[in-house]
Amino acid sequence: MRSHTFLLPLFALAVSAVAQPAAPQEGSSMSPREVALDNLLSERRSVAELDKVIDAARKNGVSEQSILEARFLYHVDREEDDAIAAMLPAFLKQREKFKIADSSIFSVEEDWLAVIEYVQAIDSLKQGDKAAFKSHITEAFWLSPRQASAFAPHIERLRTEESMKSVKIDFDARMAELDGEGVKNLQSLLGGKKAMILHFWSPSNRESEASLPDFAIAAGTLEKAGIAMVSVLPEDSAATVTAARAMVKGVAGGLPGTWLIDGQGSPLARTLRVQTLPTFVLVSKEGSVLFNGEPDDDALWNSLGRIDPAIVRPRLEESPGE
């Protein structure tokens, strides 16, 4: 049985724990309880499968503390903030019952208490209570500084949302086309469409390259729904532009939307606080920022649904022509 001792940051451990469930093997030194616990901490396929291994874990004497931890790791690994927030009552109920001996991933109680603060912070963020979010996330940092990499993205998201309230996109901004054919302004690309998505990407970013097939699916769907799709390269060096052109041309079936190079006088990427790639920014017809974040964030599709309830998130296995 691999070690799940809490020696690494929790969220790194959550990723490293993913594996196929184990099964008792002839001659194995693992007890049925150890196998059940290993399966519990490894399950990532679906909630239904998780429930099955939880049932088996209970039958083999795995503690409720470990089961709660496993549910938490499952939702953390899948980046399901709503599900994490929904676990708050269970964490509060378990808080006074915590025993190191019953834990499968925590080596000190402070790490456990930090996770409770983290869950409370996520719940506060969902409720729109920014003061409570700041209080809980600060306490989580204090209790377990080594979890900083897990807490930081939520803080950055809140700061981005706050700063975006005062941003107004200048649709008269002109940018060169990636293919070198000319210059476009955003107003001409918006036209009579319902909204615009600015897709910031770079050929030097592995995530950007890996996401292009999924981008093609989402962009094809959104263009049909009346959303202008504009991809913006935030760098203009000759080498980067050449690599970007080759990457775009290399995608089978082509890529939807218009592909531009960010203006250097007043770059959109800086105005929109783009710090990671790829990033989607959803902009209303009036120039207000409705979403700024990762393309697979549920909040993006919730915002699109408020623009047009008929917009449905496509399945990734679909192709744009389906």
Protein backbone atom coordinates (compact mmCIF):
# COMPACT_ATOMS: atom_id res chain seq x y z
CA MET A 1 0.00 0.00 0.00
CA ARG A 2 1.43 3.39 -0.95
CA SER A 3 1.83 5.98 1.80
CA HIS A 4 -0.79 8.69 2.11
CA THR A 5 0.92 10.35 5.06
CA PHE A 6 0.53 14.09 4.87
CA LEU A 7 4.17 14.85 3.98
CA LEU A 8 3.47 16.78 0.77
CA PRO A 9 1.12 19.71 0.19
CA LEU A 10 -2.43 18.40 0.18
CA PHE A 11 -3.26 19.35 -3.36
CA ALA A 12 -0.11 17.83 -4.78
CA LEU A 13 -0.99 14.69 -2.89
CA ALA A 14 -4.51 14.80 -4.29
CA VAL A 15 -3.11 14.60 -7.80
CA SER A 16 -0.50 11.96 -7.01
CA ALA A 17 -3.11 9.78 -5.32
CA VAL A 18 -4.96 9.13 -8.59
CA ALA A 19 -4.61 5.50 -9.60
CA GLN A 20 -6.66 2.50 -10.44
CA PRO A 21 -8.26 0.88 -7.38
CA ALA A 22 -6.27 -1.99 -5.94
CA ALA A 23 -7.42 -5.52 -5.45
CA PRO A 24 -6.14 -8.08 -2.97
CA GLN A 25 -3.49 -10.27 -4.59
CA GLU A 26 -2.45 -13.73 -3.58
CA GLY A 27 0.45 -13.49 -1.17
CA SER A 28 -0.11 -9.76 -0.60
CA SER A 29 0.66 -8.40 2.84
CA MET A 30 -2.19 -5.89 2.57
CA SER A 31 -5.17 -6.52 4.80
CA PRO A 32 -8.74 -6.10 3.46
CA ARG A 33 -8.94 -2.80 5.37
CA GLU A 34 -5.73 -1.54 3.75
CA VAL A 35 -6.98 -2.48 0.29
CA ALA A 36 -10.30 -0.74 0.98
CA LEU A 37 -8.50 2.38 2.20
CA ASP A 38 -6.17 2.38 -0.81
CA ASN A 39 -9.15 2.13 -3.16
CA LEU A 40 -10.95 4.87 -1.27
CA LEU A 41 -8.10 7.36 -1.62
CA SER A 42 -7.47 6.42 -5.26
CA GLU A 43 -10.98 6.57 -6.73
CA ARG A 44 -11.48 9.42 -9.25
CA ARG A 45 -13.80 7.97 -11.90
CA SER A 46 -17.23 9.12 -10.76
CA VAL A 47 -19.33 9.86 -7.69
CA ALA A 48 -21.11 6.54 -8.17
CA GLU A 49 -17.80 4.65 -8.09
CA LEU A 50 -16.69 6.69 -5.09
CA ASP A 51 -19.85 5.72 -3.24
CA LYS A 52 -19.12 2.05 -3.96
CA VAL A 53 -15.61 2.19 -2.50
CA ILE A 54 -16.92 4.18 0.48
CA ASP A 55 -19.42 1.41 1.18
CA ALA A 56 -16.62 -1.16 0.97
CA ALA A 57 -14.40 0.98 3.19
CA ARG A 58 -17.06 1.17 5.90
CA LYS A 59 -17.56 -2.59 5.78
CA ASN A 60 -13.83 -3.05 6.31
CA GLY A 61 -13.56 -0.70 9.26
CA VAL A 62 -12.16 2.45 7.62
CA SER A 63 -12.87 5.49 9.81
CA GLU A 64 -15.41 8.18 8.93
CA GLN A 65 -12.53 10.66 9.19
CA SER A 66 -10.72 8.91 6.32
CA ILE A 67 -13.93 8.72 4.30
CA LEU A 68 -14.49 12.47 4.69
CA GLU A 69 -10.88 13.11 3.66
CA ALA A 70 -11.31 10.90 0.60
CA ARG A 71 -14.45 12.76 -0.51
CA PHE A 72 -12.59 16.03 -0.10
CA LEU A 73 -9.60 14.85 -2.17
CA TYR A 74 -11.98 13.55 -4.86
CA HIS A 75 -13.61 16.96 -5.31
CA VAL A 76 -10.32 18.88 -4.98
CA ASP A 77 -8.75 16.77 -7.70
CA ARG A 78 -11.74 17.46 -9.97
CA GLU A 79 -11.73 21.18 -9.04
CA GLU A 80 -15.38 21.05 -7.96
CA ASP A 81 -15.73 24.08 -5.70
CA ASP A 82 -19.50 23.73 -5.35
CA ALA A 83 -19.12 20.19 -4.05
CA ILE A 84 -16.33 21.28 -1.69
CA ALA A 85 -18.52 24.05 -0.26
CA ALA A 86 -21.39 21.57 0.16
CA MET A 87 -19.16 19.48 2.44
CA LEU A 88 -18.94 22.25 5.04
CA PRO A 89 -21.59 20.80 7.42
CA ALA A 90 -19.78 17.44 7.41
CA PHE A 91 -16.45 19.11 8.19
CA LEU A 92 -17.91 21.20 11.01
CA LYS A 93 -19.57 18.09 12.47
CA GLN A 94 -16.29 16.18 12.33
CA ARG A 95 -14.11 19.03 13.65
CA GLU A 96 -14.40 18.12 17.33
CA LYS A 97 -14.08 14.40 16.63
CA PHE A 98 -10.76 14.58 14.80
CA LYS A 99 -8.11 12.07 15.85
CA ILE A 100 -4.72 11.76 14.20
CA ALA A 101 -5.00 7.99 14.49
CA ASP A 102 -8.19 8.02 12.40
CA SER A 103 -6.70 10.16 9.62
CA SER A 104 -5.21 8.78 6.42
CA ILE A 105 -3.55 11.93 5.07
CA PHE A 106 -2.93 14.33 7.94
CA SER A 107 0.17 14.14 10.12
CA VAL A 108 -0.65 17.15 12.33
CA GLU A 109 -3.95 18.58 13.50
CA GLU A 110 -3.17 22.06 12.13
CA ASP A 111 -3.33 20.72 8.57
CA TRP A 112 -6.79 19.32 9.27
CA LEU A 113 -7.97 22.60 10.78
CA ALA A 114 -6.54 24.49 7.78
CA VAL A 115 -8.65 22.37 5.44
CA ILE A 116 -11.76 23.23 7.44
CA GLU A 117 -10.91 26.92 7.13
CA TYR A 118 -10.32 26.39 3.41
CA VAL A 119 -13.75 24.77 2.98
CA GLN A 120 -15.34 27.64 4.92
CA ALA A 121 -13.52 30.10 2.67
CA ILE A 122 -14.85 28.41 -0.48
CA ASP A 123 -18.36 28.43 0.98
CA SER A 124 -18.02 32.15 1.80
CA LEU A 125 -16.85 32.83 -1.76
CA LYS A 126 -19.90 31.03 -3.11
CA GLN A 127 -22.11 33.13 -0.81
CA GLY A 128 -20.46 36.35 -1.96
CA ASP A 129 -19.19 37.13 1.56
CA LYS A 130 -15.75 38.53 0.78
CA ALA A 131 -14.95 39.53 4.36
CA ALA A 132 -15.59 35.99 5.59
CA PHE A 133 -13.60 34.56 2.69
CA LYS A 134 -10.60 36.71 3.59
CA SER A 135 -10.86 35.78 7.26
CA HIS A 136 -11.05 32.02 6.63
CA ILE A 137 -8.39 31.89 3.92
CA THR A 138 -6.02 33.95 6.08
CA GLU A 139 -6.54 31.55 8.98
CA ALA A 140 -5.92 28.62 6.63
CA PHE A 141 -2.57 30.18 5.64
CA TRP A 142 -1.69 30.69 9.31
CA LEU A 143 -2.50 27.10 10.25
CA SER A 144 -0.77 25.46 7.28
CA PRO A 145 1.59 27.72 5.30
CA ARG A 146 2.72 24.84 3.11
CA GLN A 147 -0.76 24.75 1.55
CA ALA A 148 -0.26 28.25 0.10
CA SER A 149 -0.25 26.95 -3.47
CA ALA A 150 -3.76 25.56 -2.91
CA PHE A 151 -5.19 28.71 -1.34
CA ALA A 152 -3.63 31.29 -3.67
CA PRO A 153 -5.74 30.69 -6.82
CA HIS A 154 -8.95 31.53 -4.97
CA ILE A 155 -7.46 34.77 -3.68
CA GLU A 156 -6.27 35.70 -7.15
CA ARG A 157 -9.71 34.91 -8.59
CA LEU A 158 -11.39 37.24 -6.11
CA ARG A 159 -8.91 40.03 -6.82
CA THR A 160 -9.41 39.61 -10.56
CA GLU A 161 -13.19 39.76 -10.21
CA GLU A 162 -12.89 42.93 -8.14
CA SER A 163 -10.55 44.66 -10.59
CA MET A 164 -12.66 43.66 -13.61
CA LYS A 165 -15.61 45.67 -12.28
CA SER A 166 -13.89 48.89 -13.29
CA VAL A 167 -12.62 47.64 -16.69
CA LYS A 168 -14.33 48.72 -19.90
CA ILE A 169 -13.10 47.17 -23.15
CA ASP A 170 -12.31 49.66 -25.92
CA PHE A 171 -13.86 48.07 -28.99
CA ASP A 172 -12.06 50.61 -31.18
CA ALA A 173 -8.74 49.01 -30.23
CA ARG A 174 -6.92 47.86 -33.36
CA MET A 175 -4.75 44.75 -33.53
CA ALA A 176 -2.79 43.09 -36.30
CA GLU A 177 -4.09 39.81 -37.67
CA LEU A 178 -1.91 36.81 -36.88
CA ASP A 179 -1.71 35.81 -40.54
CA GLY A 180 -0.30 39.23 -41.43
CA GLU A 181 -3.19 40.07 -43.75
CA GLY A 182 -4.22 43.32 -42.06
CA VAL A 183 -5.51 45.06 -38.95
CA LYS A 184 -8.85 44.60 -37.21
CA ASN A 185 -10.71 46.53 -34.53
CA LEU A 186 -12.81 44.67 -32.00
CA GLN A 187 -15.99 46.54 -32.94
CA SER A 188 -15.91 45.11 -36.45
CA LEU A 189 -15.53 41.62 -34.98
CA LEU A 190 -18.33 42.11 -32.47
CA GLY A 191 -20.78 43.38 -35.08
CA GLY A 192 -24.30 42.36 -34.08
CA LYS A 193 -23.24 39.41 -31.95
CA LYS A 194 -24.44 38.83 -28.38
CA ALA A 195 -21.00 39.05 -26.74
CA MET A 196 -17.32 38.41 -27.34
CA ILE A 197 -14.81 35.96 -25.91
CA LEU A 198 -11.16 36.97 -25.91
CA HIS A 199 -8.97 33.87 -25.87
CA PHE A 200 -5.41 34.62 -24.71
CA TRP A 201 -2.91 31.95 -25.67
CA SER A 202 0.70 31.38 -26.74
CA PRO A 203 2.57 28.73 -28.75
CA SER A 204 5.22 28.68 -26.01
CA ASN A 205 2.65 27.57 -23.45
CA ARG A 206 2.03 23.81 -23.29
CA GLU A 207 -1.47 24.19 -21.89
CA SER A 208 -2.42 26.50 -24.77
CA GLU A 209 -1.20 23.98 -27.33
CA ALA A 210 -2.88 21.03 -25.61
CA SER A 211 -6.20 22.91 -25.33
CA LEU A 212 -6.51 23.85 -29.02
CA PRO A 213 -8.64 20.82 -30.00
CA ASP A 214 -11.03 21.56 -27.10
CA PHE A 215 -10.96 25.23 -28.04
CA ALA A 216 -12.05 24.32 -31.58
CA ILE A 217 -15.08 22.46 -30.20
CA ALA A 218 -16.11 25.22 -27.78
CA ALA A 219 -15.45 28.04 -30.24
CA GLY A 220 -17.41 26.33 -33.00
CA THR A 221 -20.39 25.92 -30.68
CA LEU A 222 -20.22 29.49 -29.40
CA GLU A 223 -19.86 31.07 -32.82
CA LYS A 224 -23.04 29.30 -33.90
CA ALA A 225 -24.72 30.73 -30.77
CA GLY A 226 -23.76 34.28 -31.71
CA ILE A 227 -20.64 34.77 -29.60
CA ALA A 228 -17.68 36.43 -31.34
CA MET A 229 -14.50 34.39 -30.79
CA VAL A 230 -11.25 36.36 -30.84
CA SER A 231 -7.92 34.73 -30.04
CA VAL A 232 -5.20 37.12 -28.89
CA LEU A 233 -1.47 36.39 -28.87
CA PRO A 234 0.00 38.54 -26.05
CA GLU A 235 3.54 38.47 -27.51
CA ASP A 236 4.72 39.99 -30.79
CA SER A 237 8.29 38.76 -31.22
CA ALA A 238 9.03 37.44 -34.71
CA ALA A 239 9.83 33.95 -33.40
CA THR A 240 6.61 33.75 -31.35
CA VAL A 241 4.44 34.98 -34.22
CA THR A 242 6.02 32.47 -36.61
CA ALA A 243 5.45 29.63 -34.14
CA ALA A 244 1.87 30.77 -33.53
CA ARG A 245 1.05 30.80 -37.23
CA ALA A 246 2.46 27.30 -37.65
CA MET A 247 0.53 25.99 -34.65
CA VAL A 248 -2.80 27.42 -35.82
CA LYS A 249 -2.30 26.08 -39.36
CA GLY A 250 -1.34 22.70 -37.97
CA VAL A 251 -4.70 21.99 -36.35
CA ALA A 252 -6.71 19.60 -38.52
CA GLY A 253 -9.93 21.14 -39.74
CA GLY A 254 -8.81 24.65 -38.87
CA LEU A 255 -9.68 26.81 -35.89
CA PRO A 256 -12.75 29.05 -35.57
CA GLY A 257 -12.71 32.78 -34.89
CA THR A 258 -10.30 35.60 -35.59
CA TRP A 259 -6.64 35.40 -34.54
CA LEU A 260 -4.89 38.62 -33.55
CA ILE A 261 -1.67 39.93 -32.00
CA ASP A 262 -2.07 42.09 -28.89
CA GLY A 263 -1.32 45.78 -29.30
CA GLN A 264 1.85 46.90 -27.55
CA GLY A 265 0.79 50.49 -26.86
CA SER A 266 -2.04 49.48 -24.53
CA PRO A 267 -2.03 45.68 -24.36
CA LEU A 268 -5.33 44.02 -23.56
CA ALA A 269 -3.57 41.23 -21.67
CA ARG A 270 -2.25 43.72 -19.12
CA THR A 271 -5.56 45.57 -18.83
CA LEU A 272 -7.31 42.26 -18.16
CA ARG A 273 -4.67 40.99 -15.68
CA VAL A 274 -3.95 37.91 -17.79
CA GLN A 275 -1.31 35.98 -15.85
CA THR A 276 -1.88 32.40 -16.96
CA LEU A 277 -2.57 30.87 -20.35
CA PRO A 278 -4.91 29.97 -21.82
CA THR A 279 -7.41 32.50 -20.46
CA PHE A 280 -10.95 33.28 -21.62
CA VAL A 281 -12.44 36.73 -21.06
CA LEU A 282 -16.16 37.08 -21.75
CA VAL A 283 -17.10 40.64 -22.69
CA SER A 284 -20.62 42.06 -23.03
CA LYS A 285 -21.74 44.18 -25.99
CA GLU A 286 -21.22 47.22 -23.76
CA GLY A 287 -17.61 46.28 -23.01
CA SER A 288 -18.09 44.99 -19.45
CA VAL A 289 -16.13 41.94 -18.34
CA LEU A 290 -18.52 39.13 -17.40
CA PHE A 291 -15.90 36.42 -16.82
CA ASN A 292 -12.12 36.25 -16.68
CA GLY A 293 -10.46 32.91 -16.04
CA GLU A 294 -9.74 29.39 -17.23
CA PRO A 295 -11.71 28.08 -20.25
CA ASP A 296 -13.02 25.02 -18.38
CA ASP A 297 -14.37 27.00 -15.41
CA ASP A 298 -18.09 26.35 -14.83
CA ALA A 299 -18.52 30.08 -14.13
CA LEU A 300 -17.81 30.82 -17.79
CA TRP A 301 -20.67 28.66 -18.97
CA ASN A 302 -22.95 30.02 -16.26
CA SER A 303 -22.22 33.55 -17.53
CA LEU A 304 -22.86 32.47 -21.13
CA GLY A 305 -26.13 30.90 -20.01
CA ARG A 306 -27.26 34.24 -18.62
CA ILE A 307 -26.60 35.83 -22.02
CA ASP A 308 -28.50 33.10 -23.84
CA PRO A 309 -30.08 30.15 -21.95
CA ALA A 310 -29.85 28.12 -25.15
CA ILE A 311 -26.05 28.01 -24.93
CA VAL A 312 -25.05 24.56 -23.70
CA ARG A 313 -21.53 23.44 -22.90
CA PRO A 314 -20.47 20.96 -25.61
CA ARG A 315 -19.10 17.53 -24.89
CA LEU A 316 -15.39 17.42 -25.65
CA GLU A 317 -15.70 14.27 -27.74
CA GLU A 318 -17.93 16.13 -30.18
CA SER A 319 -16.50 17.84 -33.20
CA PRO A 320 -17.62 21.35 -34.27
CA GLY A 321 -19.48 19.95 -37.23
CA GLU A 322 -21.61 17.55 -35.23
